[in-house]
Protein backbone atom coordinates (compact mmCIF):
# COMPACT_ATOMS: atom_id res chain seq x y z
CA UNK A 1 13.28 -28.93 -8.78
CA UNK A 2 13.96 -25.42 -7.52
CA UNK A 3 17.79 -24.88 -6.96
CA UNK A 4 19.10 -23.76 -3.68
CA UNK A 5 20.69 -20.33 -3.18
CA UNK A 6 23.66 -19.97 -0.75
CA UNK A 7 25.07 -16.90 0.96
CA UNK A 8 27.89 -16.86 -1.73
CA UNK A 9 25.39 -16.77 -4.52
CA UNK A 10 25.51 -13.23 -5.95
CA UNK A 11 22.03 -11.68 -6.13
CA UNK A 12 21.27 -8.89 -8.47
CA UNK A 13 18.11 -6.66 -8.51
CA UNK A 14 16.91 -6.21 -11.95
CA UNK A 15 14.33 -3.28 -12.89
CA UNK A 16 13.42 -3.17 -9.08
CA UNK A 17 11.11 -6.07 -9.65
CA UNK A 18 13.28 -9.18 -10.33
CA UNK A 19 16.08 -10.71 -8.21
CA UNK A 20 18.63 -12.54 -10.70
CA UNK A 21 20.99 -15.24 -9.54
CA UNK A 22 23.43 -17.38 -11.38
CA UNK A 23 22.91 -21.16 -10.61
CA UNK A 24 24.29 -24.41 -12.19
CA UNK A 25 21.61 -24.70 -14.72
CA UNK A 26 21.62 -21.21 -15.89
CA UNK A 27 19.99 -17.91 -14.43
CA UNK A 28 17.33 -17.89 -11.72
CA UNK A 29 14.73 -14.98 -12.19
CA UNK A 30 12.51 -14.43 -9.21
CA UNK A 31 9.67 -12.05 -9.21
CA UNK A 32 10.13 -10.43 -5.83
CA UNK A 33 6.56 -9.18 -5.32
CA UNK A 34 5.12 -12.57 -6.19
CA UNK A 35 7.80 -14.30 -3.98
CA UNK A 36 6.96 -12.12 -1.01
CA UNK A 37 3.06 -12.82 -1.87
CA UNK A 38 3.74 -16.58 -1.76
CA UNK A 39 5.41 -16.25 1.67
CA UNK A 40 2.52 -14.15 3.10
CA UNK A 41 -0.12 -16.36 1.41
CA UNK A 42 1.18 -19.36 3.31
CA UNK A 43 1.37 -17.39 6.56
CA UNK A 44 -2.21 -16.06 6.13
CA UNK A 45 -3.52 -19.60 5.42
CA UNK A 46 -1.74 -20.81 8.55
CA UNK A 47 -3.47 -18.05 10.64
CA UNK A 48 -6.80 -19.03 9.44
CA UNK A 49 -6.37 -22.60 10.80
CA UNK A 50 -3.88 -22.52 13.59
CA UNK A 51 -2.15 -19.37 14.72
CA UNK A 52 -4.00 -16.13 15.44
CA UNK A 53 -2.84 -13.11 13.76
CA UNK A 54 -1.22 -9.97 15.30
CA UNK A 55 -3.68 -7.14 15.18
CA UNK A 56 -2.39 -3.48 14.84
CA UNK A 57 -4.94 -1.10 16.54
CA UNK A 58 -5.70 1.96 14.56
CA UNK A 59 -5.15 5.17 16.26
CA UNK A 60 -8.04 6.79 14.13
CA UNK A 61 -10.54 4.16 13.06
CA UNK A 62 -11.50 4.10 9.37
CA UNK A 63 -15.07 3.77 8.07
CA UNK A 64 -15.94 1.58 5.13
CA UNK A 65 -19.10 2.34 3.34
CA UNK A 66 -20.50 -0.41 1.33
CA UNK A 67 -23.36 -1.14 -1.34
CA UNK A 68 -25.57 -4.06 -0.56
CA UNK A 69 -23.68 -6.51 -2.61
CA UNK A 70 -20.41 -5.78 -0.87
CA UNK A 71 -22.05 -5.78 2.46
CA UNK A 72 -23.31 -9.39 1.90
CA UNK A 73 -19.74 -10.52 0.83
CA UNK A 74 -18.12 -8.73 3.81
CA UNK A 75 -20.61 -10.39 6.31
CA UNK A 76 -19.73 -13.81 4.82
CA UNK A 77 -15.98 -13.08 5.13
CA UNK A 78 -16.09 -11.39 8.38
CA UNK A 79 -15.08 -14.37 10.70
CA UNK A 80 -12.09 -15.22 8.34
CA UNK A 81 -11.07 -11.57 8.26
CA UNK A 82 -11.15 -11.30 12.11
CA UNK A 83 -8.94 -14.47 12.23
CA UNK A 84 -6.59 -12.61 10.03
CA UNK A 85 -6.21 -9.57 12.32
CA UNK A 86 -9.04 -7.25 11.08
CA UNK A 87 -11.28 -5.71 13.85
CA UNK A 88 -14.66 -4.54 12.40
CA UNK A 89 -17.64 -3.36 14.01
CA UNK A 90 -20.96 -2.59 12.16
CA UNK A 91 -21.57 1.21 12.41
CA UNK A 92 -24.71 1.50 10.37
CA UNK A 93 -26.72 -0.70 7.91
CA UNK A 94 -24.23 -0.22 5.08
CA UNK A 95 -21.15 0.80 6.99
CA UNK A 96 -18.44 -0.69 9.32
CA UNK A 97 -15.69 0.82 11.40
CA UNK A 98 -12.18 -0.77 11.12
CA UNK A 99 -10.45 -0.25 14.42
CA UNK A 100 -7.64 -2.85 13.96
CA UNK A 101 -5.76 -4.43 10.89
CA UNK A 102 -3.34 -7.17 10.47
CA UNK A 103 0.04 -5.99 11.53
CA UNK A 104 1.50 -7.38 8.23
CA UNK A 105 -0.87 -4.76 6.42
CA UNK A 106 1.62 -1.99 7.48
CA UNK A 107 0.84 1.46 6.12
CA UNK A 108 -1.46 0.21 3.56
CA UNK A 109 -5.01 1.69 3.38
CA UNK A 110 -7.40 -0.80 5.25
CA UNK A 111 -10.51 0.48 3.44
CA UNK A 112 -8.81 -0.08 0.03
CA UNK A 113 -7.67 -3.36 0.97
CA UNK A 114 -11.02 -4.62 2.18
CA UNK A 115 -12.74 -3.39 -0.82
CA UNK A 116 -10.23 -5.22 -3.16
CA UNK A 117 -10.73 -8.33 -1.09
CA UNK A 118 -14.38 -8.06 -1.30
CA UNK A 119 -14.33 -7.47 -5.10
CA UNK A 120 -11.86 -10.13 -5.88
CA UNK A 121 -14.14 -12.74 -4.00
CA UNK A 122 -17.09 -11.50 -5.90
CA UNK A 123 -15.23 -11.56 -9.23
CA UNK A 124 -14.33 -15.49 -8.67
CA UNK A 125 -18.03 -16.24 -8.34
CA UNK A 126 -17.03 -19.16 -6.23
CA UNK A 127 -19.58 -20.86 -3.89
CA UNK A 128 -17.35 -22.89 -1.53
CA UNK A 129 -15.93 -21.38 1.73
CA UNK A 130 -12.51 -22.77 1.10
CA UNK A 131 -12.44 -21.29 -2.29
CA UNK A 132 -13.32 -17.79 -0.86
CA UNK A 133 -10.47 -18.41 1.89
CA UNK A 134 -7.99 -18.88 -0.97
CA UNK A 135 -9.12 -15.85 -2.98
CA UNK A 136 -9.31 -13.79 0.15
CA UNK A 137 -5.92 -14.77 1.53
CA UNK A 138 -4.19 -14.36 -1.96
CA UNK A 139 -5.62 -10.91 -2.28
CA UNK A 140 -4.59 -9.96 1.23
CA UNK A 141 -1.14 -11.25 0.48
CA UNK A 142 -0.89 -9.36 -2.66
CA UNK A 143 -1.88 -6.02 -0.76
CA UNK A 144 0.62 -6.82 2.08
CA UNK A 145 3.65 -7.73 -0.08
CA UNK A 146 6.40 -5.41 -0.84
CA UNK A 147 5.32 -3.20 -3.54
CA UNK A 148 6.52 -3.69 -7.02
CA UNK A 149 9.32 -1.42 -8.03
CA UNK A 150 10.77 -1.31 -4.62
CA UNK A 151 14.63 -1.20 -4.49
CA UNK A 152 15.84 -3.85 -2.09
CA UNK A 153 19.05 -3.94 -0.25
CA UNK A 154 21.45 -7.04 -0.54
CA UNK A 155 20.25 -8.13 2.96
CA UNK A 156 16.73 -7.86 2.00
CA UNK A 157 17.15 -9.67 -1.33
CA UNK A 158 18.80 -12.67 0.50
CA UNK A 159 16.22 -12.52 3.25
CA UNK A 160 13.36 -12.72 0.76
CA UNK A 161 15.01 -15.35 -1.33
CA UNK A 162 15.83 -17.51 1.70
CA UNK A 163 12.31 -17.14 3.18
CA UNK A 164 10.87 -18.04 -0.13
CA UNK A 165 12.97 -21.12 -0.72
CA UNK A 166 12.48 -22.29 2.81
CA UNK A 167 8.74 -21.90 2.42
CA UNK A 168 8.14 -24.99 0.12
CA UNK A 169 8.64 -22.75 -2.96
CA UNK A 170 6.35 -23.17 -6.09
CA UNK A 171 7.01 -21.66 -9.29
CA UNK A 172 3.55 -20.25 -9.43
CA UNK A 173 1.01 -18.45 -7.17
CA UNK A 174 -2.42 -20.04 -6.61
CA UNK A 175 -3.69 -17.81 -9.42
CA UNK A 176 -1.28 -19.30 -11.90
CA UNK A 177 1.15 -16.31 -12.04
CA UNK A 178 4.84 -17.15 -12.42
CA UNK A 179 7.12 -16.53 -9.38
CA UNK A 180 10.34 -17.65 -10.73
CA UNK A 181 11.82 -18.85 -13.93
CA UNK A 182 15.05 -20.49 -14.92
CA UNK A 183 16.77 -19.62 -18.14
CA UNK A 184 19.26 -22.37 -18.97
CA UNK A 185 22.61 -21.62 -20.31
CA UNK A 186 21.83 -23.17 -23.76
CA UNK A 187 19.06 -20.43 -24.12
CA UNK A 188 21.53 -17.79 -23.09
CA UNK A 189 24.00 -19.08 -25.53
CA UNK A 190 21.57 -19.18 -28.43
CA UNK A 191 21.31 -15.29 -27.96
CA UNK A 192 24.85 -14.69 -28.77
């Protein structure tokens, strides 16, 4: 079971990648990028089924040029990408314009993001639509999450930890990567 964190729990950012909190059992280490990825992954999965995404129109549309294999993958993913807030229009046989992106994408490059999604889906070699959706939403969540190495204020740390804990926290992302770890006090004691 994952322990709760209160407003009186001191939080410390370590190496601009981890949030450390003392708890009854020991020390709680949270990988901040992966915790944010987990939050965004669940939000994106919800957008695919229920809530439409907020689209941010681009002042200057971007063009994504593709090879045939990437084009086929994009065309399969297109309906889901549109539900997530992307606005794409075919420009030529191997190119699309991107005129809108999910608001959560922020200042990230939409061409690089879409190519990463396409390649991640291709790398998984999955054939079921639901598996593509999992891979696509996880990739997008990773691209949208706070970057690794970002310094967070105390308020940002508390907000991230609280949102993660409220979001049915799991210790791992869908790809198996660890989000949080508890180092119990017995293990700490053994080091001294």
